[in-house]
Structures are given as C-alpha cells and as structure tokens.
PDB file of N, CA and C in Angstrom:
ATOM      1  N   MET A   1       2.953   3.810  20.573  1.00  0.00           N
ATOM      2  CA  MET A   1       4.097   4.354  20.789  1.00  0.00           C
ATOM      3  C   MET A   1       5.277   3.802  19.833  1.00  0.00           C
ATOM      4  N   PRO A   2       5.862   5.078  19.188  1.00  0.00           N
ATOM      5  CA  PRO A   2       7.058   4.512  18.359  1.00  0.00           C
ATOM      6  C   PRO A   2       8.375   4.015  18.991  1.00  0.00           C
ATOM      7  N   PHE A   3       9.140   3.528  18.201  1.00  0.00           N
ATOM      8  CA  PHE A   3      10.683   3.237  18.861  1.00  0.00           C
ATOM      9  C   PHE A   3      11.530   2.914  17.584  1.00  0.00           C
ATOM     10  N   GLN A   4      12.739   3.006  17.911  1.00  0.00           N
ATOM     11  CA  GLN A   4      13.907   3.010  16.974  1.00  0.00           C
ATOM     12  C   GLN A   4      13.833   1.404  16.292  1.00  0.00           C
ATOM     13  N   VAL A   5      14.073   1.888  14.943  1.00  0.00           N
ATOM     14  CA  VAL A   5      14.068   0.417  14.049  1.00  0.00           C
ATOM     15  C   VAL A   5      15.235   0.268  13.134  1.00  0.00           C
ATOM     16  N   GLU A   6      16.166  -0.614  13.440  1.00  0.00           N
ATOM     17  CA  GLU A   6      17.310  -0.705  12.424  1.00  0.00           C
ATOM     18  C   GLU A   6      17.213  -2.034  11.777  1.00  0.00           C
ATOM     19  N   PHE A   7      17.521  -2.189  10.395  1.00  0.00           N
ATOM     20  CA  PHE A   7      17.743  -3.283   9.659  1.00  0.00           C
ATOM     21  C   PHE A   7      19.123  -3.036   9.240  1.00  0.00           C
ATOM     22  N   VAL A   8      19.975  -4.200   9.513  1.00  0.00           N
ATOM     23  CA  VAL A   8      21.449  -3.918   9.238  1.00  0.00           C
ATOM     24  C   VAL A   8      22.075  -5.341   8.395  1.00  0.00           C
ATOM     25  N   SER A   9      22.648  -5.166   7.381  1.00  0.00           N
ATOM     26  CA  SER A   9      23.297  -6.390   6.742  1.00  0.00           C
ATOM     27  C   SER A   9      24.902  -5.928   6.952  1.00  0.00           C
ATOM     28  N   PRO A  10      25.708  -6.971   6.579  1.00  0.00           N
ATOM     29  CA  PRO A  10      27.214  -6.573   6.557  1.00  0.00           C
ATOM     30  C   PRO A  10      27.553  -5.546   5.571  1.00  0.00           C
ATOM     31  N   GLU A  11      26.590  -5.440   4.670  1.00  0.00           N
ATOM     32  CA  GLU A  11      27.163  -4.340   3.609  1.00  0.00           C
ATOM     33  C   GLU A  11      26.453  -2.948   3.780  1.00  0.00           C
ATOM     34  N   ALA A  12      25.353  -2.845   4.385  1.00  0.00           N
ATOM     35  CA  ALA A  12      24.484  -1.476   4.412  1.00  0.00           C
ATOM     36  C   ALA A  12      23.442  -1.615   5.559  1.00  0.00           C
ATOM     37  N   VAL A  13      23.286  -0.356   6.082  1.00  0.00           N
ATOM     38  CA  VAL A  13      22.034  -0.064   6.852  1.00  0.00           C
ATOM     39  C   VAL A  13      20.693  -0.099   5.774  1.00  0.00           C
ATOM     40  N   LEU A  14      20.053  -0.971   5.930  1.00  0.00           N
ATOM     41  CA  LEU A  14      18.849  -1.128   4.731  1.00  0.00           C
ATOM     42  C   LEU A  14      17.625  -0.526   5.439  1.00  0.00           C
ATOM     43  N   CYS A  15      17.428  -0.139   6.658  1.00  0.00           N
ATOM     44  CA  CYS A  15      16.305   0.492   7.162  1.00  0.00           C
ATOM     45  C   CYS A  15      16.702   1.210   8.669  1.00  0.00           C
ATOM     46  N   SER A  16      16.449   2.499   8.483  1.00  0.00           N
ATOM     47  CA  SER A  16      16.652   2.947   9.954  1.00  0.00           C
ATOM     48  C   SER A  16      15.654   4.017  10.012  1.00  0.00           C
ATOM     49  N   GLY A  17      15.064   4.073  11.302  1.00  0.00           N
ATOM     50  CA  GLY A  17      14.154   5.100  11.537  1.00  0.00           C
ATOM     51  C   GLY A  17      12.735   4.630  12.569  1.00  0.00           C
ATOM     52  N   GLU A  18      11.693   4.982  12.728  1.00  0.00           N
ATOM     53  CA  GLU A  18      10.718   4.675  13.827  1.00  0.00           C
ATOM     54  C   GLU A  18       9.847   3.655  13.315  1.00  0.00           C
ATOM     55  N   GLY A  19       9.331   2.998  14.203  1.00  0.00           N
ATOM     56  CA  GLY A  19       8.179   1.844  13.832  1.00  0.00           C
ATOM     57  C   GLY A  19       7.238   1.461  14.989  1.00  0.00           C
ATOM     58  N   THR A  20       6.338   1.147  14.732  1.00  0.00           N
ATOM     59  CA  THR A  20       5.346   0.804  15.984  1.00  0.00           C
ATOM     60  C   THR A  20       5.276  -0.694  16.183  1.00  0.00           C
ATOM     61  N   GLN A  21       5.860  -1.566  15.075  1.00  0.00           N
ATOM     62  CA  GLN A  21       5.821  -3.041  15.427  1.00  0.00           C
ATOM     63  C   GLN A  21       6.711  -3.678  14.404  1.00  0.00           C
ATOM     64  N   VAL A  22       7.383  -4.716  14.895  1.00  0.00           N
ATOM     65  CA  VAL A  22       8.395  -5.748  14.350  1.00  0.00           C
ATOM     66  C   VAL A  22       7.863  -7.167  14.206  1.00  0.00           C
ATOM     67  N   VAL A  23       7.874  -7.551  13.165  1.00  0.00           N
ATOM     68  CA  VAL A  23       7.366  -9.127  13.697  1.00  0.00           C
ATOM     69  C   VAL A  23       8.464  -9.993  12.941  1.00  0.00           C
ATOM     70  N   ALA A  24       9.123 -10.862  13.565  1.00  0.00           N
ATOM     71  CA  ALA A  24      10.148 -11.788  13.102  1.00  0.00           C
ATOM     72  C   ALA A  24       9.762 -13.062  13.475  1.00  0.00           C
ATOM     73  N   ARG A  25      10.577 -14.144  12.747  1.00  0.00           N
ATOM     74  CA  ARG A  25      10.209 -15.607  13.046  1.00  0.00           C
ATOM     75  C   ARG A  25      11.793 -15.971  13.823  1.00  0.00           C
ATOM     76  N   THR A  26      11.781 -16.500  14.855  1.00  0.00           N
ATOM     77  CA  THR A  26      12.784 -16.728  15.568  1.00  0.00           C
ATOM     78  C   THR A  26      12.992 -18.401  15.564  1.00  0.00           C
ATOM     79  N   ARG A  27      14.289 -19.025  15.803  1.00  0.00           N
ATOM     80  CA  ARG A  27      14.200 -20.463  15.872  1.00  0.00           C
ATOM     81  C   ARG A  27      13.772 -20.827  17.241  1.00  0.00           C
ATOM     82  N   GLY A  28      12.709 -21.751  17.171  1.00  0.00           N
ATOM     83  CA  GLY A  28      12.409 -22.386  18.378  1.00  0.00           C
ATOM     84  C   GLY A  28      11.187 -21.555  19.127  1.00  0.00           C
ATOM     85  N   GLY A  29      11.084 -20.533  18.259  1.00  0.00           N
ATOM     86  CA  GLY A  29      10.023 -19.403  19.012  1.00  0.00           C
ATOM     87  C   GLY A  29       8.810 -18.758  18.277  1.00  0.00           C
ATOM     88  N   GLY A  30       9.061 -19.344  16.858  1.00  0.00           N
ATOM     89  CA  GLY A  30       7.923 -19.068  15.864  1.00  0.00           C
ATOM     90  C   GLY A  30       7.880 -17.550  15.672  1.00  0.00           C
ATOM     91  N   ASP A  31       6.741 -16.953  15.261  1.00  0.00           N
ATOM     92  CA  ASP A  31       6.613 -15.639  14.895  1.00  0.00           C
ATOM     93  C   ASP A  31       6.306 -14.760  16.312  1.00  0.00           C
ATOM     94  N   ILE A  32       7.093 -13.688  16.275  1.00  0.00           N
ATOM     95  CA  ILE A  32       6.960 -13.075  17.418  1.00  0.00           C
ATOM     96  C   ILE A  32       6.943 -11.226  17.260  1.00  0.00           C
ATOM     97  N   ALA A  33       6.250 -10.708  17.599  1.00  0.00           N
ATOM     98  CA  ALA A  33       5.727  -9.388  17.295  1.00  0.00           C
ATOM     99  C   ALA A  33       6.429  -8.430  18.544  1.00  0.00           C
ATOM    100  N   PHE A  34       7.323  -7.552  18.155  1.00  0.00           N
ATOM    101  CA  PHE A  34       7.878  -6.683  19.223  1.00  0.00           C
ATOM    102  C   PHE A  34       7.046  -5.427  19.073  1.00  0.00           C
ATOM    103  N   LEU A  35       6.702  -4.840  19.951  1.00  0.00           N
ATOM    104  CA  LEU A  35       5.971  -3.400  20.401  1.00  0.00           C
ATOM    105  C   LEU A  35       6.902  -2.443  21.423  1.00  0.00           C
ATOM    106  N   ALA A  36       6.767  -1.110  21.417  1.00  0.00           N
ATOM    107  CA  ALA A  36       7.487  -0.298  22.216  1.00  0.00           C
ATOM    108  C   ALA A  36       7.340  -0.929  23.945  1.00  0.00           C
ATOM    109  N   GLY A  37       8.230  -0.820  24.547  1.00  0.00           N
ATOM    110  CA  GLY A  37       8.562  -1.418  26.010  1.00  0.00           C
ATOM    111  C   GLY A  37       8.550  -2.806  26.078  1.00  0.00           C
ATOM    112  N   HIS A  38       8.821  -3.528  25.133  1.00  0.00           N
ATOM    113  CA  HIS A  38       9.244  -5.136  25.177  1.00  0.00           C
ATOM    114  C   HIS A  38      10.264  -5.328  26.120  1.00  0.00           C
ATOM    115  N   GLU A  39      10.093  -6.370  26.617  1.00  0.00           N
ATOM    116  CA  GLU A  39      11.189  -6.823  27.336  1.00  0.00           C
ATOM    117  C   GLU A  39      12.522  -6.994  26.612  1.00  0.00           C
ATOM    118  N   PRO A  40      13.845  -6.780  27.300  1.00  0.00           N
ATOM    119  CA  PRO A  40      14.795  -7.085  26.521  1.00  0.00           C
ATOM    120  C   PRO A  40      14.834  -8.580  26.044  1.00  0.00           C
ATOM    121  N   PHE A  41      15.364  -8.772  24.597  1.00  0.00           N
ATOM    122  CA  PHE A  41      15.355 -10.122  24.077  1.00  0.00           C
ATOM    123  C   PHE A  41      16.351 -10.180  22.897  1.00  0.00           C
ATOM    124  N   ILE A  42      17.097 -11.286  22.917  1.00  0.00           N
ATOM    125  CA  ILE A  42      17.886 -11.444  21.720  1.00  0.00           C
ATOM    126  C   ILE A  42      17.421 -12.956  21.030  1.00  0.00           C
ATOM    127  N   GLY A  43      17.439 -13.007  19.715  1.00  0.00           N
ATOM    128  CA  GLY A  43      17.116 -14.330  18.978  1.00  0.00           C
ATOM    129  C   GLY A  43      17.701 -14.592  17.890  1.00  0.00           C
ATOM    130  N   SER A  44      17.833 -15.727  17.554  1.00  0.00           N
ATOM    131  CA  SER A  44      18.134 -16.219  16.244  1.00  0.00           C
ATOM    132  C   SER A  44      17.163 -16.338  15.204  1.00  0.00           C
ATOM    133  N   LEU A  45      17.188 -15.725  14.104  1.00  0.00           N
ATOM    134  CA  LEU A  45      16.145 -15.671  13.023  1.00  0.00           C
ATOM    135  C   LEU A  45      16.377 -16.795  12.064  1.00  0.00           C
ATOM    136  N   GLN A  46      15.065 -17.349  11.601  1.00  0.00           N
ATOM    137  CA  GLN A  46      14.977 -18.557  10.812  1.00  0.00           C
ATOM    138  C   GLN A  46      14.796 -17.891   9.276  1.00  0.00           C
ATOM    139  N   PRO A  47      14.979 -18.547   8.195  1.00  0.00           N
ATOM    140  CA  PRO A  47      14.596 -17.708   6.954  1.00  0.00           C
ATOM    141  C   PRO A  47      13.195 -17.358   6.974  1.00  0.00           C
ATOM    142  N   SER A  48      12.849 -16.424   6.704  1.00  0.00           N
ATOM    143  CA  SER A  48      11.349 -15.930   6.669  1.00  0.00           C
ATOM    144  C   SER A  48      11.595 -14.115   6.275  1.00  0.00           C
ATOM    145  N   GLU A  49      10.428 -13.947   6.598  1.00  0.00           N
ATOM    146  CA  GLU A  49      10.226 -12.406   6.418  1.00  0.00           C
ATOM    147  C   GLU A  49       9.998 -11.567   7.692  1.00  0.00           C
ATOM    148  N   VAL A  50      10.838 -10.367   7.541  1.00  0.00           N
ATOM    149  CA  VAL A  50      10.652  -9.782   8.886  1.00  0.00           C
ATOM    150  C   VAL A  50       9.960  -8.395   8.387  1.00  0.00           C
ATOM    151  N   ARG A  51       8.681  -8.057   9.217  1.00  0.00           N
ATOM    152  CA  ARG A  51       7.817  -6.865   8.809  1.00  0.00           C
ATOM    153  C   ARG A  51       8.001  -5.826   9.739  1.00  0.00           C
ATOM    154  N   VAL A  52       8.232  -4.871   9.428  1.00  0.00           N
ATOM    155  CA  VAL A  52       8.415  -3.441   9.961  1.00  0.00           C
ATOM    156  C   VAL A  52       7.130  -2.601   9.833  1.00  0.00           C
ATOM    157  N   THR A  53       6.451  -2.289  10.780  1.00  0.00           N
ATOM    158  CA  THR A  53       5.252  -1.218  10.714  1.00  0.00           C
ATOM    159  C   THR A  53       5.669  -0.063  10.893  1.00  0.00           C
ATOM    160  N   GLU A  54       5.675   0.889  10.018  1.00  0.00           N
ATOM    161  CA  GLU A  54       5.905   2.300  10.201  1.00  0.00           C
ATOM    162  C   GLU A  54       4.667   3.155  11.189  1.00  0.00           C
ATOM    163  N   THR A  55       5.440   4.374  11.477  1.00  0.00           N
ATOM    164  CA  THR A  55       4.357   5.051  12.232  1.00  0.00           C
ATOM    165  C   THR A  55       3.070   5.293  11.601  1.00  0.00           C
ATOM    166  N   SER A  56       3.353   5.671  10.086  1.00  0.00           N
ATOM    167  CA  SER A  56       2.322   5.724   9.221  1.00  0.00           C
ATOM    168  C   SER A  56       1.155   4.551   8.842  1.00  0.00           C
ATOM    169  N   GLY A  57       1.644   3.515   9.382  1.00  0.00           N
ATOM    170  CA  GLY A  57       0.911   2.228   9.206  1.00  0.00           C
ATOM    171  C   GLY A  57       1.428   1.550   8.151  1.00  0.00           C
ATOM    172  N   ASN A  58       2.216   2.008   7.178  1.00  0.00           N
ATOM    173  CA  ASN A  58       2.647   1.139   6.099  1.00  0.00           C
ATOM    174  C   ASN A  58       3.539  -0.045   6.685  1.00  0.00           C
ATOM    175  N   VAL A  59       3.602  -1.049   6.049  1.00  0.00           N
ATOM    176  CA  VAL A  59       4.313  -2.186   6.378  1.00  0.00           C
ATOM    177  C   VAL A  59       5.676  -2.417   5.260  1.00  0.00           C
ATOM    178  N   LEU A  60       6.676  -2.588   6.008  1.00  0.00           N
ATOM    179  CA  LEU A  60       7.865  -2.572   5.053  1.00  0.00           C
ATOM    180  C   LEU A  60       8.328  -3.930   5.432  1.00  0.00           C
ATOM    181  N   SER A  61       8.593  -5.089   4.254  1.00  0.00           N
ATOM    182  CA  SER A  61       9.068  -6.525   4.390  1.00  0.00           C
ATOM    183  C   SER A  61      10.565  -6.570   4.049  1.00  0.00           C
ATOM    184  N   PHE A  62      11.272  -7.471   4.660  1.00  0.00           N
ATOM    185  CA  PHE A  62      12.449  -7.846   4.281  1.00  0.00           C
ATOM    186  C   PHE A  62      12.512  -9.382   4.395  1.00  0.00           C
ATOM    187  N   ALA A  63      13.268  -9.999   3.479  1.00  0.00           N
ATOM    188  CA  ALA A  63      13.509 -11.361   3.164  1.00  0.00           C
ATOM    189  C   ALA A  63      14.564 -11.453   4.139  1.00  0.00           C
ATOM    190  N   VAL A  64      14.875 -12.460   4.850  1.00  0.00           N
ATOM    191  CA  VAL A  64      15.925 -12.840   5.837  1.00  0.00           C
ATOM    192  C   VAL A  64      16.169 -14.361   5.666  1.00  0.00           C
ATOM    193  N   ARG A  65      17.634 -14.686   5.521  1.00  0.00           N
ATOM    194  CA  ARG A  65      17.992 -15.802   5.497  1.00  0.00           C
ATOM    195  C   ARG A  65      18.450 -16.451   6.913  1.00  0.00           C
ATOM    196  N   SER A  66      19.201 -15.719   7.565  1.00  0.00           N
ATOM    197  CA  SER A  66      19.514 -15.586   8.909  1.00  0.00           C
ATOM    198  C   SER A  66      20.023 -14.574   9.394  1.00  0.00           C
ATOM    199  N   GLY A  67      20.206 -14.568  10.822  1.00  0.00           N
ATOM    200  CA  GLY A  67      20.492 -13.516  11.456  1.00  0.00           C
ATOM    201  C   GLY A  67      20.035 -13.331  12.719  1.00  0.00           C
ATOM    202  N   PHE A  68      19.903 -12.210  13.628  1.00  0.00           N
ATOM    203  CA  PHE A  68      19.694 -12.125  15.046  1.00  0.00           C
ATOM    204  C   PHE A  68      18.700 -10.896  14.923  1.00  0.00           C
ATOM    205  N   VAL A  69      17.954 -10.916  16.155  1.00  0.00           N
ATOM    206  CA  VAL A  69      17.119  -9.633  16.517  1.00  0.00           C
ATOM    207  C   VAL A  69      17.409  -9.108  17.857  1.00  0.00           C
ATOM    208  N   SER A  70      17.769  -8.068  18.213  1.00  0.00           N
ATOM    209  CA  SER A  70      17.761  -7.610  19.430  1.00  0.00           C
ATOM    210  C   SER A  70      16.865  -6.557  19.878  1.00  0.00           C
ATOM    211  N   VAL A  71      16.207  -6.706  20.933  1.00  0.00           N
ATOM    212  CA  VAL A  71      15.409  -5.858  21.391  1.00  0.00           C
ATOM    213  C   VAL A  71      15.642  -5.405  22.761  1.00  0.00           C
ATOM    214  N   THR A  72      15.409  -3.668  22.822  1.00  0.00           N
ATOM    215  CA  THR A  72      15.304  -3.260  24.177  1.00  0.00           C
ATOM    216  C   THR A  72      14.039  -2.516  24.166  1.00  0.00           C
ATOM    217  N   GLY A  73      13.809  -1.979  25.420  1.00  0.00           N
ATOM    218  CA  GLY A  73      12.220  -1.447  25.526  1.00  0.00           C
ATOM    219  C   GLY A  73      12.259  -0.136  24.751  1.00  0.00           C
ATOM    220  N   THR A  74      13.260   0.236  23.945  1.00  0.00           N
ATOM    221  CA  THR A  74      13.312   1.523  23.153  1.00  0.00           C
ATOM    222  C   THR A  74      13.595   1.317  21.601  1.00  0.00           C
ATOM    223  N   SER A  75      14.258   0.291  21.455  1.00  0.00           N
ATOM    224  CA  SER A  75      14.625  -0.096  20.015  1.00  0.00           C
ATOM    225  C   SER A  75      14.482  -1.622  19.767  1.00  0.00           C
ATOM    226  N   VAL A  76      14.390  -1.976  18.420  1.00  0.00           N
ATOM    227  CA  VAL A  76      14.593  -3.136  17.744  1.00  0.00           C
ATOM    228  C   VAL A  76      15.615  -3.035  16.691  1.00  0.00           C
ATOM    229  N   THR A  77      16.764  -4.029  16.537  1.00  0.00           N
ATOM    230  CA  THR A  77      17.887  -4.081  15.564  1.00  0.00           C
ATOM    231  C   THR A  77      17.644  -5.426  15.101  1.00  0.00           C
ATOM    232  N   VAL A  78      17.548  -5.326  13.868  1.00  0.00           N
ATOM    233  CA  VAL A  78      17.748  -6.753  13.055  1.00  0.00           C
ATOM    234  C   VAL A  78      19.084  -6.824  12.540  1.00  0.00           C
ATOM    235  N   LEU A  79      19.715  -7.832  12.747  1.00  0.00           N
ATOM    236  CA  LEU A  79      21.177  -8.080  12.024  1.00  0.00           C
ATOM    237  C   LEU A  79      21.110  -9.387  11.077  1.00  0.00           C
ATOM    238  N   SER A  80      21.213  -9.115  10.041  1.00  0.00           N
ATOM    239  CA  SER A  80      20.907 -10.291   8.988  1.00  0.00           C
ATOM    240  C   SER A  80      21.963 -10.356   8.230  1.00  0.00           C
ATOM    241  N   GLY A  81      22.650 -11.696   7.911  1.00  0.00           N
ATOM    242  CA  GLY A  81      23.755 -11.802   6.927  1.00  0.00           C
ATOM    243  C   GLY A  81      23.424 -11.516   5.506  1.00  0.00           C
ATOM    244  N   ARG A  82      22.153 -11.834   5.145  1.00  0.00           N
ATOM    245  CA  ARG A  82      21.771 -11.081   3.826  1.00  0.00           C
ATOM    246  C   ARG A  82      20.436 -10.800   3.821  1.00  0.00           C
ATOM    247  N   GLY A  83      19.958  -9.558   3.815  1.00  0.00           N
ATOM    248  CA  GLY A  83      18.650  -9.028   3.788  1.00  0.00           C
ATOM    249  C   GLY A  83      18.116  -8.456   2.325  1.00  0.00           C
ATOM    250  N   ASN A  84      17.067  -8.681   1.941  1.00  0.00           N
ATOM    251  CA  ASN A  84      16.485  -8.102   0.714  1.00  0.00           C
ATOM    252  C   ASN A  84      15.144  -7.223   1.036  1.00  0.00           C
ATOM    253  N   ALA A  85      15.131  -6.260   0.801  1.00  0.00           N
ATOM    254  CA  ALA A  85      14.061  -5.274   0.862  1.00  0.00           C
ATOM    255  C   ALA A  85      13.016  -6.054  -0.047  1.00  0.00           C
ATOM    256  N   ARG A  86      11.798  -6.605   0.314  1.00  0.00           N
ATOM    257  CA  ARG A  86      10.753  -7.204  -0.404  1.00  0.00           C
ATOM    258  C   ARG A  86       9.850  -6.091  -1.092  1.00  0.00           C
ATOM    259  N   GLY A  87       9.548  -5.032  -0.453  1.00  0.00           N
ATOM    260  CA  GLY A  87       8.627  -3.761  -0.810  1.00  0.00           C
ATOM    261  C   GLY A  87       7.834  -3.468   0.403  1.00  0.00           C
ATOM    262  N   ARG A  88       7.046  -2.389   0.162  1.00  0.00           N
ATOM    263  CA  ARG A  88       6.350  -1.726   1.249  1.00  0.00           C
ATOM    264  C   ARG A  88       4.742  -1.580   0.584  1.00  0.00           C
ATOM    265  N   HIS A  89       3.884  -2.109   1.674  1.00  0.00           N
ATOM    266  CA  HIS A  89       2.574  -2.040   1.151  1.00  0.00           C
ATOM    267  C   HIS A  89       1.671  -1.061   2.381  1.00  0.00           C
ATOM    268  N   ARG A  90       0.583  -0.607   1.953  1.00  0.00           N
ATOM    269  CA  ARG A  90      -0.225   0.461   3.117  1.00  0.00           C
ATOM    270  C   ARG A  90      -0.682  -0.656   3.978  1.00  0.00           C
ATOM    271  N   ARG A  91      -1.052  -0.393   5.123  1.00  0.00           N
ATOM    272  CA  ARG A  91      -1.827  -1.134   5.947  1.00  0.00           C
ATOM    273  C   ARG A  91      -3.262  -1.651   5.239  1.00  0.00           C
ATOM    274  N   GLY A  92      -3.511  -2.999   5.364  1.00  0.00           N
ATOM    275  CA  GLY A  92      -4.663  -3.433   5.335  1.00  0.00           C
ATOM    276  C   GLY A  92      -4.760  -3.986   3.543  1.00  0.00           C
ATOM    277  N   SER A  93      -3.654  -3.577   3.172  1.00  0.00           N
ATOM    278  CA  SER A  93      -3.609  -4.024   1.667  1.00  0.00           C
ATOM    279  C   SER A  93      -2.703  -5.119   1.572  1.00  0.00           C
ATOM    280  N   GLY A  94      -2.707  -5.911   0.582  1.00  0.00           N
ATOM    281  CA  GLY A  94      -1.918  -7.309   0.295  1.00  0.00           C
ATOM    282  C   GLY A  94      -0.560  -6.629  -0.641  1.00  0.00           C
ATOM    283  N   PRO A  95       0.387  -7.442  -0.731  1.00  0.00           N
ATOM    284  CA  PRO A  95       1.598  -7.203  -1.459  1.00  0.00           C
ATOM    285  C   PRO A  95       1.253  -6.624  -2.886  1.00  0.00           C
ATOM    286  N   GLY A  96       0.268  -6.871  -3.576  1.00  0.00           N
ATOM    287  CA  GLY A  96       0.148  -6.496  -4.881  1.00  0.00           C
ATOM    288  C   GLY A  96      -0.176  -4.895  -4.914  1.00  0.00           C
ATOM    289  N   ARG A  97      -0.401  -4.327  -3.887  1.00  0.00           N
ATOM    290  CA  ARG A  97      -0.921  -2.768  -3.854  1.00  0.00           C
ATOM    291  C   ARG A  97       0.362  -2.146  -2.870  1.00  0.00           C
ATOM    292  N   GLN A  98       1.407  -1.880  -3.766  1.00  0.00           N
ATOM    293  CA  GLN A  98       2.571  -1.156  -3.038  1.00  0.00           C
ATOM    294  C   GLN A  98       2.349   0.095  -2.995  1.00  0.00           C
ATOM    295  N   GLY A  99       2.745   0.550  -1.685  1.00  0.00           N
ATOM    296  CA  GLY A  99       2.919   2.124  -1.382  1.00  0.00           C
ATOM    297  C   GLY A  99       3.905   2.665  -1.840  1.00  0.00           C
ATOM    298  N   ASN A 100       4.426   3.934  -1.292  1.00  0.00           N
ATOM    299  CA  ASN A 100       5.314   4.732  -1.959  1.00  0.00           C
ATOM    300  C   ASN A 100       6.410   4.214  -1.095  1.00  0.00           C
ATOM    301  N   SER A 101       7.293   3.889  -1.863  1.00  0.00           N
ATOM    302  CA  SER A 101       8.574   3.300  -1.117  1.00  0.00           C
ATOM    303  C   SER A 101       9.491   4.031  -0.888  1.00  0.00           C
ATOM    304  N   GLY A 102       9.488   5.552  -1.110  1.00  0.00           N
ATOM    305  CA  GLY A 102      10.269   6.708  -0.614  1.00  0.00           C
ATOM    306  C   GLY A 102       9.816   7.442   0.520  1.00  0.00           C
ATOM    307  N   SER A 103       8.653   6.828   1.103  1.00  0.00           N
ATOM    308  CA  SER A 103       8.004   7.682   2.080  1.00  0.00           C
ATOM    309  C   SER A 103       8.218   7.119   3.442  1.00  0.00           C
ATOM    310  N   GLY A 104       7.735   7.719   4.422  1.00  0.00           N
ATOM    311  CA  GLY A 104       7.885   6.931   5.659  1.00  0.00           C
ATOM    312  C   GLY A 104       8.906   7.225   6.869  1.00  0.00           C
ATOM    313  N   PRO A 105       8.731   7.184   7.950  1.00  0.00           N
ATOM    314  CA  PRO A 105      10.109   7.385   8.624  1.00  0.00           C
ATOM    315  C   PRO A 105      11.156   6.075   8.448  1.00  0.00           C
ATOM    316  N   CYS A 106      10.658   5.204   8.090  1.00  0.00           N
ATOM    317  CA  CYS A 106      11.852   3.804   8.066  1.00  0.00           C
ATOM    318  C   CYS A 106      12.092   4.013   6.644  1.00  0.00           C
ATOM    319  N   ARG A 107      12.571   4.807   5.959  1.00  0.00           N
ATOM    320  CA  ARG A 107      13.091   4.777   4.626  1.00  0.00           C
ATOM    321  C   ARG A 107      14.210   3.819   4.323  1.00  0.00           C
ATOM    322  N   GLN A 108      13.930   3.134   3.161  1.00  0.00           N
ATOM    323  CA  GLN A 108      15.063   1.944   2.774  1.00  0.00           C
ATOM    324  C   GLN A 108      16.162   2.922   2.515  1.00  0.00           C
ATOM    325  N   ARG A 109      17.239   2.445   3.128  1.00  0.00           N
ATOM    326  CA  ARG A 109      18.676   3.149   2.846  1.00  0.00           C
ATOM    327  C   ARG A 109      19.839   2.201   2.502  1.00  0.00           C
ATOM    328  N   ARG A 110      20.309   2.299   1.458  1.00  0.00           N
ATOM    329  CA  ARG A 110      21.480   1.350   0.963  1.00  0.00           C
ATOM    330  C   ARG A 110      22.791   2.264   1.315  1.00  0.00           C
ATOM    331  N   ARG A 111      22.862   2.488   2.657  1.00  0.00           N
ATOM    332  CA  ARG A 111      23.951   3.266   3.180  1.00  0.00           C
ATOM    333  C   ARG A 111      25.160   2.135   3.436  1.00  0.00           C
ATOM    334  N   ARG A 112      26.138   2.182   2.770  1.00  0.00           N
ATOM    335  CA  ARG A 112      27.248   1.154   2.645  1.00  0.00           C
ATOM    336  C   ARG A 112      27.854   1.514   4.156  1.00  0.00           C
ATOM    337  N   LEU A 113      28.196   0.489   4.665  1.00  0.00           N
ATOM    338  CA  LEU A 113      29.166   0.478   6.184  1.00  0.00           C
ATOM    339  C   LEU A 113      30.571   0.627   5.755  1.00  0.00           C
ATOM    340  N   ARG A 114      31.279   1.294   6.473  1.00  0.00           N
ATOM    341  CA  ARG A 114      32.606   1.494   6.180  1.00  0.00           C
ATOM    342  C   ARG A 114      33.610   0.362   7.099  1.00  0.00           C
ATOM    343  N   PRO A 115      34.582  -0.322   6.552  1.00  0.00           N
ATOM    344  CA  PRO A 115      35.315  -1.336   6.924  1.00  0.00           C
ATOM    345  C   PRO A 115      35.933  -0.982   8.107  1.00  0.00           C
TER     346      PRO A 115
END
C-alpha cells in the first residue's frame, strides 16, 4: 500500500510523491524500514543513505549528513540539513544499473523553497 513521501532540505523539496518503503539509519536505532501504517515515529538521522522505494519498484537513494525522519501512518517526511540525490536503480539491480531518473511517482524535484 503506497504512502506519501517527502524529502526536504532547507533549500528545496528534493522528492515528493508516493512510495512503498523508506529505509533510514537513525541514531541509536540502526537502519529502520518504514511501511504504510507504521506507528508514529520521529528520529534523528545519522550520516548515511536514505532509500525510497517507489510504487514502480525503483529505488531512489539520497545521501544525508544529518536530519530527522517523521512518520505518520500515511506519510514519511525526511528533513535533511543537506541531502544529495545519489541516483535511482531498478529493483534487483545494483547502483551500476541506473533506471530512468525522470520517471516514477517520486520524481526528483529541485523546487526552491520560499523564504
């Protein structure tokens, strides 16, 4: 079951759309996977990779240095002080086999936030 996913930095909304899973590394908690219906959660992120699985099965990866993840039963929001899109790959493929970076419901967006 898909849920709303947003990946936001102070400068821009990097990703906004639907996903089926988000995996993030939290301080003191290790890697945690969030699925639709997950209990409400808020956590501090460690420097790591955050992976968003789109409804198509493609995985979008972001490098984070710090930030927070906020989860409700219907959405996951990643707030990162600095986030860089690392790429997208098809389910079952490695990072060397990139998928189409412009397709899928969680399109990479460099939409500037207004002050």
